[in-house]
Amino acid sequence: MFRLQRSGGRLSIAVCHNITESPAHPNIAILLDVDVSNAAGDAMRASYRLDDRDEIVAVHAAASFSKFTTRTLAEEVRIPDTRTMVEADLREWLPRYGIHLSQEDIARTLAAPDVMLASYAAGFGLAEC
């Protein structure tokens, strides 16, 4: 990245907090462990492993990035419903980790989130996490 960046250019990196900071995602990881595989649950947890700000700064400083600043933004996400929240992970996130589910497996897994994630339903068909 550094070699491709123009002089004085900027680089932005967005990472997630630890999975324990996300209300719904620990439960989604458990759902994936049970209904899909431990590898699927681990894939869900993977995006939450870059939560050490000092480590991120050190890695970029070692790669010759200077004037590195960080800031934390915390926002609540509103998703149409719990099914949509899980379906996005099944269809978009898991394949990035080489986990490809059949339509039958997706349908079976999508039967569970409404019960397991009911506490995140915000009414009017919305989910908050």
C-alpha atoms as a PDB file:
ATOM      1  CA  MET A   1       0.000   0.000   0.000  1.00  0.00           C
ATOM      2  CA  PHE A   2       2.780   2.383   0.920  1.00  0.00           C
ATOM      3  CA  ARG A   3       4.564   2.052  -2.440  1.00  0.00           C
ATOM      4  CA  LEU A   4       1.331   2.654  -4.356  1.00  0.00           C
ATOM      5  CA  GLN A   5       0.315   5.713  -2.424  1.00  0.00           C
ATOM      6  CA  ARG A   6       1.097   9.106  -3.886  1.00  0.00           C
ATOM      7  CA  SER A   7       3.272  11.431  -1.846  1.00  0.00           C
ATOM      8  CA  GLY A   8       1.232  12.958   0.953  1.00  0.00           C
ATOM      9  CA  GLY A   9      -1.660  10.596   0.277  1.00  0.00           C
ATOM     10  CA  ARG A  10      -3.868   9.185   3.004  1.00  0.00           C
ATOM     11  CA  LEU A  11      -4.834   5.661   3.905  1.00  0.00           C
ATOM     12  CA  SER A  12      -7.928   4.779   5.894  1.00  0.00           C
ATOM     13  CA  ILE A  13      -8.507   1.458   7.584  1.00  0.00           C
ATOM     14  CA  ALA A  14     -11.737   0.499   9.305  1.00  0.00           C
ATOM     15  CA  VAL A  15     -11.759  -2.332  11.819  1.00  0.00           C
ATOM     16  CA  CYS A  16     -14.301  -3.643  14.285  1.00  0.00           C
ATOM     17  CA  HIS A  17     -14.090  -3.715  18.054  1.00  0.00           C
ATOM     18  CA  ASN A  18     -13.694  -7.036  19.798  1.00  0.00           C
ATOM     19  CA  ILE A  19     -16.693  -9.273  19.113  1.00  0.00           C
ATOM     20  CA  THR A  20     -17.785  -8.879  22.746  1.00  0.00           C
ATOM     21  CA  GLU A  21     -18.472  -5.202  21.965  1.00  0.00           C
ATOM     22  CA  SER A  22     -20.990  -6.132  19.280  1.00  0.00           C
ATOM     23  CA  PRO A  23     -24.354  -7.072  20.730  1.00  0.00           C
ATOM     24  CA  ALA A  24     -25.587  -9.600  18.162  1.00  0.00           C
ATOM     25  CA  HIS A  25     -22.467 -11.013  16.547  1.00  0.00           C
ATOM     26  CA  PRO A  26     -21.321 -13.314  19.372  1.00  0.00           C
ATOM     27  CA  ASN A  27     -24.719 -15.022  19.042  1.00  0.00           C
ATOM     28  CA  ILE A  28     -24.431 -15.161  15.260  1.00  0.00           C
ATOM     29  CA  ALA A  29     -21.003 -16.824  15.643  1.00  0.00           C
ATOM     30  CA  ILE A  30     -22.562 -19.425  17.960  1.00  0.00           C
ATOM     31  CA  LEU A  31     -25.410 -19.956  15.500  1.00  0.00           C
ATOM     32  CA  LEU A  32     -22.860 -20.578  12.744  1.00  0.00           C
ATOM     33  CA  ASP A  33     -20.870 -22.946  14.992  1.00  0.00           C
ATOM     34  CA  VAL A  34     -23.995 -25.024  15.599  1.00  0.00           C
ATOM     35  CA  ASP A  35     -25.823 -24.829  12.260  1.00  0.00           C
ATOM     36  CA  VAL A  36     -22.889 -24.653   9.818  1.00  0.00           C
ATOM     37  CA  SER A  37     -19.463 -25.463  11.280  1.00  0.00           C
ATOM     38  CA  ASN A  38     -16.854 -24.230  13.732  1.00  0.00           C
ATOM     39  CA  ALA A  39     -14.957 -22.829  10.737  1.00  0.00           C
ATOM     40  CA  ALA A  40     -18.003 -20.684   9.883  1.00  0.00           C
ATOM     41  CA  GLY A  41     -18.231 -19.403  13.461  1.00  0.00           C
ATOM     42  CA  ASP A  42     -14.507 -18.647  13.430  1.00  0.00           C
ATOM     43  CA  ALA A  43     -14.891 -16.765  10.131  1.00  0.00           C
ATOM     44  CA  MET A  44     -17.501 -14.552  11.819  1.00  0.00           C
ATOM     45  CA  ARG A  45     -15.148 -13.910  14.737  1.00  0.00           C
ATOM     46  CA  ALA A  46     -12.182 -13.134  12.445  1.00  0.00           C
ATOM     47  CA  SER A  47     -13.227  -9.590  11.577  1.00  0.00           C
ATOM     48  CA  TYR A  48     -13.297  -8.751  15.266  1.00  0.00           C
ATOM     49  CA  ARG A  49      -9.678  -9.727  15.907  1.00  0.00           C
ATOM     50  CA  LEU A  50      -8.115  -6.446  14.788  1.00  0.00           C
ATOM     51  CA  ASP A  51      -9.277  -4.521  17.825  1.00  0.00           C
ATOM     52  CA  ASP A  52      -5.854  -3.698  19.313  1.00  0.00           C
ATOM     53  CA  ARG A  53      -5.209  -0.083  18.331  1.00  0.00           C
ATOM     54  CA  ASP A  54      -1.568  -0.156  19.474  1.00  0.00           C
ATOM     55  CA  GLU A  55      -0.882  -3.225  17.324  1.00  0.00           C
ATOM     56  CA  ILE A  56      -2.424  -1.586  14.245  1.00  0.00           C
ATOM     57  CA  VAL A  57      -0.310   1.540  14.751  1.00  0.00           C
ATOM     58  CA  ALA A  58       2.855  -0.549  15.274  1.00  0.00           C
ATOM     59  CA  VAL A  59       2.284  -2.601  12.102  1.00  0.00           C
ATOM     60  CA  HIS A  60       1.825   0.518   9.995  1.00  0.00           C
ATOM     61  CA  ALA A  61       4.758   2.329  11.589  1.00  0.00           C
ATOM     62  CA  ALA A  62       6.947  -0.697  10.823  1.00  0.00           C
ATOM     63  CA  ALA A  63       5.796  -0.417   7.176  1.00  0.00           C
ATOM     64  CA  SER A  64       7.061   3.202   7.027  1.00  0.00           C
ATOM     65  CA  PHE A  65       3.714   4.940   7.464  1.00  0.00           C
ATOM     66  CA  SER A  66       4.114   8.126   9.477  1.00  0.00           C
ATOM     67  CA  LYS A  67       1.727  10.600  11.044  1.00  0.00           C
ATOM     68  CA  PHE A  68      -0.604   7.736  11.844  1.00  0.00           C
ATOM     69  CA  THR A  69      -3.697   8.742  13.783  1.00  0.00           C
ATOM     70  CA  THR A  70      -6.590   6.669  15.043  1.00  0.00           C
ATOM     71  CA  ARG A  71     -10.075   7.448  16.158  1.00  0.00           C
ATOM     72  CA  THR A  72     -12.950   5.357  17.374  1.00  0.00           C
ATOM     73  CA  LEU A  73     -16.430   5.624  15.973  1.00  0.00           C
ATOM     74  CA  ALA A  74     -19.243   3.673  17.562  1.00  0.00           C
ATOM     75  CA  GLU A  75     -22.527   3.513  15.742  1.00  0.00           C
ATOM     76  CA  GLU A  76     -25.625   1.407  16.040  1.00  0.00           C
ATOM     77  CA  VAL A  77     -26.604  -0.392  12.885  1.00  0.00           C
ATOM     78  CA  ARG A  78     -30.213  -0.834  11.805  1.00  0.00           C
ATOM     79  CA  ILE A  79     -30.833  -3.816   9.569  1.00  0.00           C
ATOM     80  CA  PRO A  80     -34.218  -4.741   8.040  1.00  0.00           C
ATOM     81  CA  ASP A  81     -34.533  -7.858  10.220  1.00  0.00           C
ATOM     82  CA  THR A  82     -32.482 -10.569  11.921  1.00  0.00           C
ATOM     83  CA  ARG A  83     -32.821 -12.846   8.891  1.00  0.00           C
ATOM     84  CA  THR A  84     -31.211 -10.233   6.642  1.00  0.00           C
ATOM     85  CA  MET A  85     -28.428  -9.749   9.171  1.00  0.00           C
ATOM     86  CA  VAL A  86     -27.539 -13.468   9.139  1.00  0.00           C
ATOM     87  CA  GLU A  87     -28.174 -13.959   5.418  1.00  0.00           C
ATOM     88  CA  ALA A  88     -25.617 -11.280   4.573  1.00  0.00           C
ATOM     89  CA  ASP A  89     -23.020 -13.209   6.558  1.00  0.00           C
ATOM     90  CA  LEU A  90     -23.975 -16.525   4.956  1.00  0.00           C
ATOM     91  CA  ARG A  91     -23.949 -15.250   1.384  1.00  0.00           C
ATOM     92  CA  GLU A  92     -21.258 -12.562   1.503  1.00  0.00           C
ATOM     93  CA  TRP A  93     -18.927 -13.064   4.472  1.00  0.00           C
ATOM     94  CA  LEU A  94     -18.443 -16.838   4.646  1.00  0.00           C
ATOM     95  CA  PRO A  95     -17.459 -17.229   0.966  1.00  0.00           C
ATOM     96  CA  ARG A  96     -14.550 -14.836   1.614  1.00  0.00           C
ATOM     97  CA  TYR A  97     -13.236 -17.550   3.912  1.00  0.00           C
ATOM     98  CA  GLY A  98     -13.835 -20.312   1.398  1.00  0.00           C
ATOM     99  CA  ILE A  99     -17.062 -21.483   3.047  1.00  0.00           C
ATOM    100  CA  HIS A 100     -19.751 -21.913   0.402  1.00  0.00           C
ATOM    101  CA  LEU A 101     -23.168 -23.127   1.515  1.00  0.00           C
ATOM    102  CA  SER A 102     -25.845 -24.778  -0.561  1.00  0.00           C
ATOM    103  CA  GLN A 103     -29.236 -23.088  -0.849  1.00  0.00           C
ATOM    104  CA  GLU A 104     -30.625 -25.837   1.412  1.00  0.00           C
ATOM    105  CA  ASP A 105     -28.013 -25.126   4.104  1.00  0.00           C
ATOM    106  CA  ILE A 106     -28.713 -21.405   3.888  1.00  0.00           C
ATOM    107  CA  ALA A 107     -32.473 -21.970   4.223  1.00  0.00           C
ATOM    108  CA  ARG A 108     -31.963 -24.270   7.232  1.00  0.00           C
ATOM    109  CA  THR A 109     -29.655 -21.810   8.966  1.00  0.00           C
ATOM    110  CA  LEU A 110     -32.004 -18.888   8.290  1.00  0.00           C
ATOM    111  CA  ALA A 111     -34.786 -20.686  10.159  1.00  0.00           C
ATOM    112  CA  ALA A 112     -32.952 -20.150  13.471  1.00  0.00           C
ATOM    113  CA  PRO A 113     -32.088 -16.433  13.760  1.00  0.00           C
ATOM    114  CA  ASP A 114     -35.573 -15.158  14.501  1.00  0.00           C
ATOM    115  CA  VAL A 115     -35.635 -17.109  17.755  1.00  0.00           C
ATOM    116  CA  MET A 116     -31.980 -16.805  18.746  1.00  0.00           C
ATOM    117  CA  LEU A 117     -31.701 -13.111  17.862  1.00  0.00           C
ATOM    118  CA  ALA A 118     -35.189 -11.955  18.863  1.00  0.00           C
ATOM    119  CA  SER A 119     -33.798  -9.585  21.490  1.00  0.00           C
ATOM    120  CA  TYR A 120     -32.219  -7.498  18.703  1.00  0.00           C
ATOM    121  CA  ALA A 121     -35.506  -6.991  16.874  1.00  0.00           C
ATOM    122  CA  ALA A 122     -36.393  -3.323  17.087  1.00  0.00           C
ATOM    123  CA  GLY A 123     -39.950  -3.576  15.840  1.00  0.00           C
ATOM    124  CA  PHE A 124     -41.309  -2.640  12.436  1.00  0.00           C
ATOM    125  CA  GLY A 125     -39.165  -5.418  10.957  1.00  0.00           C
ATOM    126  CA  LEU A 126     -35.861  -3.841  12.047  1.00  0.00           C
ATOM    127  CA  ALA A 127     -32.884  -5.281  13.905  1.00  0.00           C
ATOM    128  CA  GLU A 128     -30.389  -3.224  15.888  1.00  0.00           C
ATOM    129  CA  CYS A 129     -26.853  -4.303  16.658  1.00  0.00           C
END
